[in-house]
């Protein structure tokens, strides 16, 4: 009886979490398929696309990895690029410490599955009264994970039948971040951080050039954000 109750609770949590993840479903299927197609057209079969999505599960790095895998491989550059591009997850993790505290074994997967979009949902949603936090956040994270892996698998299979030129298809990820940036820009409290990102990127572009802009820009952005964190927090609090 108790086991049936637990199963019913899990099913209710799934039904509650799913509607919130529909926007992520549409985005991840499109982006995942773009990644899968690019992997296939660059000579990597569906298995590689699926394995990378299962184990790495980081859209920006997965798209960048295609270029890293198809050119002369530099392990140090790949490592630094991965760290810098995903360094924003440090701030994500700090933000959800309270929500994920005391969730036991499930916490490891929740940490692994904390993408930009999942963080956006988890940080803004609370489980309904009487529902376990861990179960609710697990379904949000797990559904988003399935969407990404499923999209990559579909794209990798579809890549076998694509005959047109796929040059520029990886711009889908850039387009997504442009849209996210514009959405964030609508809120005045987010503009200082956005301006820091744009300014640091321009400085890095001028100094290091287009071929080496990513790592210096990420280092500079992190340094400026860390140095000005307290001021940014005070500014945000004063506007609340």
Protein backbone atom coordinates (compact mmCIF):
# COMPACT_ATOMS: atom_id res chain seq x y z
CA UNK A 1 0.00 0.00 0.00
CA UNK A 2 2.81 2.35 0.94
CA UNK A 3 4.68 1.42 -2.25
CA UNK A 4 1.58 2.17 -4.35
CA UNK A 5 1.30 5.53 -2.62
CA UNK A 6 4.93 6.31 -3.47
CA UNK A 7 4.40 5.38 -7.11
CA UNK A 8 1.29 7.53 -7.25
CA UNK A 9 3.29 10.41 -5.76
CA UNK A 10 5.99 10.01 -8.39
CA UNK A 11 3.40 9.91 -11.19
CA UNK A 12 1.69 13.03 -9.86
CA UNK A 13 5.06 14.79 -9.67
CA UNK A 14 5.76 13.82 -13.29
CA UNK A 15 2.38 15.15 -14.42
CA UNK A 16 3.01 18.37 -12.50
CA UNK A 17 6.56 18.87 -13.81
CA UNK A 18 5.92 18.07 -17.46
CA UNK A 19 3.90 21.20 -18.44
CA UNK A 20 6.65 23.42 -17.04
CA UNK A 21 9.23 21.71 -19.26
CA UNK A 22 7.35 22.07 -22.56
CA UNK A 23 9.31 25.22 -23.62
CA UNK A 24 12.52 23.30 -22.96
CA UNK A 25 11.15 20.36 -24.95
CA UNK A 26 10.69 22.50 -28.06
CA UNK A 27 14.09 24.14 -27.73
CA UNK A 28 16.06 21.01 -26.86
CA UNK A 29 14.54 18.93 -29.63
CA UNK A 30 15.54 21.52 -32.23
CA UNK A 31 19.01 22.15 -30.83
CA UNK A 32 19.62 18.48 -30.07
CA UNK A 33 18.67 17.54 -33.62
CA UNK A 34 21.02 20.23 -34.97
CA UNK A 35 23.84 18.74 -32.90
CA UNK A 36 23.03 15.21 -34.02
CA UNK A 37 22.93 16.23 -37.68
CA UNK A 38 26.28 18.02 -37.39
CA UNK A 39 27.88 15.01 -35.70
CA UNK A 40 26.61 12.72 -38.45
CA UNK A 41 27.65 14.99 -41.31
CA UNK A 42 31.13 15.34 -39.78
CA UNK A 43 31.64 11.57 -39.83
CA UNK A 44 30.45 10.54 -36.36
CA UNK A 45 27.61 8.04 -36.19
CA UNK A 46 24.46 8.17 -34.04
CA UNK A 47 26.15 6.25 -31.22
CA UNK A 48 28.73 9.01 -30.72
CA UNK A 49 26.10 11.74 -30.69
CA UNK A 50 23.98 9.83 -28.17
CA UNK A 51 26.93 8.94 -25.91
CA UNK A 52 28.20 12.51 -25.87
CA UNK A 53 24.72 13.80 -25.03
CA UNK A 54 24.30 11.20 -22.27
CA UNK A 55 27.72 11.77 -20.68
CA UNK A 56 28.54 15.40 -21.40
CA UNK A 57 25.08 16.98 -21.54
CA UNK A 58 26.32 20.51 -22.20
CA UNK A 59 24.98 22.03 -25.39
CA UNK A 60 27.55 24.76 -25.96
CA UNK A 61 30.51 22.45 -25.31
CA UNK A 62 28.99 19.71 -27.46
CA UNK A 63 28.72 22.06 -30.42
CA UNK A 64 32.25 23.33 -29.80
CA UNK A 65 33.50 19.75 -29.49
CA UNK A 66 32.62 19.10 -33.13
CA UNK A 67 35.17 21.72 -34.17
CA UNK A 68 37.67 20.36 -31.64
CA UNK A 69 37.24 16.81 -32.93
CA UNK A 70 37.56 17.76 -36.60
CA UNK A 71 40.74 19.86 -36.24
CA UNK A 72 44.17 19.28 -34.69
CA UNK A 73 43.34 18.33 -31.10
CA UNK A 74 44.83 20.44 -28.32
CA UNK A 75 43.95 18.84 -24.93
CA UNK A 76 44.90 21.93 -22.90
CA UNK A 77 42.83 24.26 -25.07
CA UNK A 78 39.87 21.87 -24.92
CA UNK A 79 40.12 21.67 -21.12
CA UNK A 80 40.39 25.43 -20.61
CA UNK A 81 37.59 26.09 -23.08
CA UNK A 82 35.32 23.61 -21.30
CA UNK A 83 36.06 25.11 -17.88
CA UNK A 84 35.56 28.70 -18.99
CA UNK A 85 32.41 28.13 -21.04
CA UNK A 86 30.77 26.19 -18.20
CA UNK A 87 32.10 28.32 -15.34
CA UNK A 88 28.67 29.97 -15.07
CA UNK A 89 27.46 26.74 -13.46
CA UNK A 90 29.41 27.73 -10.34
CA UNK A 91 26.89 30.52 -9.83
CA UNK A 92 23.99 28.22 -10.71
CA UNK A 93 25.14 25.72 -8.11
CA UNK A 94 25.47 28.35 -5.40
CA UNK A 95 21.96 29.58 -6.18
CA UNK A 96 20.30 26.19 -5.70
CA UNK A 97 22.22 24.99 -2.65
CA UNK A 98 19.18 25.51 -0.48
CA UNK A 99 16.77 23.80 -2.86
CA UNK A 100 19.01 20.74 -3.27
CA UNK A 101 20.08 20.41 0.36
CA UNK A 102 19.22 17.11 2.03
CA UNK A 103 17.96 15.32 -1.10
CA UNK A 104 20.19 12.28 -0.69
CA UNK A 105 21.41 10.19 -3.63
CA UNK A 106 19.19 12.00 -6.12
CA UNK A 107 21.24 15.15 -5.57
CA UNK A 108 24.12 13.85 -7.71
CA UNK A 109 21.89 13.64 -10.80
CA UNK A 110 20.33 17.03 -10.08
CA UNK A 111 23.81 18.57 -10.03
CA UNK A 112 24.76 16.81 -13.26
CA UNK A 113 21.53 17.91 -14.96
CA UNK A 114 21.75 21.60 -14.03
CA UNK A 115 21.74 23.22 -17.47
CA UNK A 116 20.83 26.84 -18.24
CA UNK A 117 17.22 25.99 -18.99
CA UNK A 118 16.82 23.55 -16.09
CA UNK A 119 18.27 26.13 -13.72
CA UNK A 120 15.77 28.67 -15.01
CA UNK A 121 12.90 26.30 -14.15
CA UNK A 122 14.24 25.04 -10.84
CA UNK A 123 15.11 28.50 -9.55
CA UNK A 124 11.65 29.88 -10.33
CA UNK A 125 9.37 26.93 -9.46
CA UNK A 126 8.35 25.45 -6.14
CA UNK A 127 6.71 22.03 -5.80
CA UNK A 128 3.01 21.98 -4.88
CA UNK A 129 2.16 21.64 -1.22
CA UNK A 130 2.70 18.10 0.04
CA UNK A 131 4.99 17.07 -2.83
CA UNK A 132 8.59 16.07 -2.16
CA UNK A 133 11.08 18.63 -3.45
CA UNK A 134 13.49 15.99 -4.67
CA UNK A 135 10.87 14.16 -6.72
CA UNK A 136 9.60 17.36 -8.35
CA UNK A 137 13.05 18.69 -9.25
CA UNK A 138 14.17 15.23 -10.38
CA UNK A 139 11.40 15.05 -12.98
CA UNK A 140 12.15 18.52 -14.28
CA UNK A 141 15.84 17.64 -14.64
CA UNK A 142 15.23 14.16 -16.03
CA UNK A 143 12.66 15.29 -18.61
CA UNK A 144 14.99 18.03 -19.88
CA UNK A 145 17.77 15.43 -20.07
CA UNK A 146 15.56 13.10 -22.14
CA UNK A 147 14.60 15.92 -24.49
CA UNK A 148 18.23 16.72 -25.25
CA UNK A 149 19.36 13.12 -25.71
CA UNK A 150 16.25 12.33 -27.79
CA UNK A 151 16.82 15.34 -30.03
CA UNK A 152 20.46 14.38 -30.57
CA UNK A 153 19.47 10.81 -31.44
CA UNK A 154 16.83 11.96 -33.93
CA UNK A 155 19.25 14.38 -35.55
CA UNK A 156 22.01 11.80 -35.81
CA UNK A 157 19.66 9.34 -37.54
CA UNK A 158 18.22 12.06 -39.79
CA UNK A 159 21.75 13.09 -40.73
CA UNK A 160 22.07 9.90 -42.78
CA UNK A 161 19.41 11.19 -45.15
CA UNK A 162 20.40 14.85 -45.37
CA UNK A 163 21.92 15.86 -48.67
CA UNK A 164 21.95 19.66 -48.36
CA UNK A 165 24.86 21.77 -47.11
CA UNK A 166 24.73 21.96 -43.28
CA UNK A 167 27.23 24.81 -43.01
CA UNK A 168 25.98 27.27 -40.42
CA UNK A 169 23.63 24.83 -38.71
CA UNK A 170 25.61 25.22 -35.49
CA UNK A 171 24.46 28.85 -35.44
CA UNK A 172 21.24 27.51 -33.87
CA UNK A 173 22.97 27.57 -30.49
CA UNK A 174 24.21 31.13 -31.04
CA UNK A 175 20.70 32.16 -32.04
CA UNK A 176 19.30 30.66 -28.83
CA UNK A 177 21.74 32.61 -26.69
CA UNK A 178 20.93 35.81 -28.60
CA UNK A 179 17.25 35.27 -27.83
CA UNK A 180 18.02 34.56 -24.16
CA UNK A 181 20.15 37.70 -24.02
CA UNK A 182 17.37 39.84 -25.47
CA UNK A 183 14.85 38.35 -23.03
CA UNK A 184 17.17 39.14 -20.12
CA UNK A 185 17.76 42.66 -21.46
CA UNK A 186 14.05 43.43 -21.06
CA UNK A 187 14.56 43.39 -17.28
CA UNK A 188 16.48 46.45 -16.10
CA UNK A 189 18.06 44.63 -13.15
CA UNK A 190 19.81 42.23 -15.55
CA UNK A 191 21.34 44.90 -17.76
CA UNK A 192 24.52 45.63 -15.75
CA UNK A 193 25.62 41.97 -15.96
CA UNK A 194 24.71 41.87 -19.66
CA UNK A 195 26.76 45.00 -20.35
CA UNK A 196 29.71 43.49 -18.48
CA UNK A 197 29.52 40.43 -20.73
CA UNK A 198 29.35 42.46 -23.93
CA UNK A 199 32.10 44.86 -22.83
CA UNK A 200 34.52 42.12 -21.78
CA UNK A 201 33.92 40.24 -25.02
CA UNK A 202 34.66 43.36 -27.10
CA UNK A 203 37.87 44.02 -25.13
CA UNK A 204 39.00 40.42 -25.60
CA UNK A 205 38.14 40.55 -29.30
CA UNK A 206 40.25 43.67 -29.82
CA UNK A 207 43.22 42.34 -27.84
CA UNK A 208 43.26 38.64 -28.73
CA UNK A 209 41.43 38.51 -32.08
CA UNK A 210 38.43 36.48 -33.23
CA UNK A 211 40.28 33.13 -33.19
CA UNK A 212 41.20 33.37 -29.49
CA UNK A 213 38.39 35.42 -28.01
CA UNK A 214 36.39 32.85 -26.02
CA UNK A 215 38.73 31.87 -23.16
CA UNK A 216 40.07 35.41 -22.44
CA UNK A 217 36.52 36.81 -22.59
CA UNK A 218 35.20 34.21 -20.11
CA UNK A 219 38.15 34.80 -17.74
CA UNK A 220 37.63 38.55 -17.88
CA UNK A 221 33.85 38.27 -17.38
CA UNK A 222 34.31 36.01 -14.35
CA UNK A 223 36.95 38.33 -12.88
CA UNK A 224 34.77 41.43 -13.29
CA UNK A 225 31.66 39.69 -11.94
CA UNK A 226 33.51 38.38 -8.91
CA UNK A 227 35.11 41.77 -8.23
CA UNK A 228 31.82 43.62 -8.57
CA UNK A 229 29.53 40.95 -7.08
CA UNK A 230 28.66 42.90 -3.93
CA UNK A 231 27.91 46.07 -5.85
CA UNK A 232 25.69 44.19 -8.29
CA UNK A 233 23.84 42.54 -5.41
CA UNK A 234 23.28 45.90 -3.70
CA UNK A 235 21.98 47.38 -6.95
CA UNK A 236 19.56 44.50 -7.40
CA UNK A 237 18.35 44.73 -3.80
CA UNK A 238 17.75 48.47 -4.09
CA UNK A 239 15.45 47.89 -7.06
CA UNK A 240 13.34 45.27 -5.32
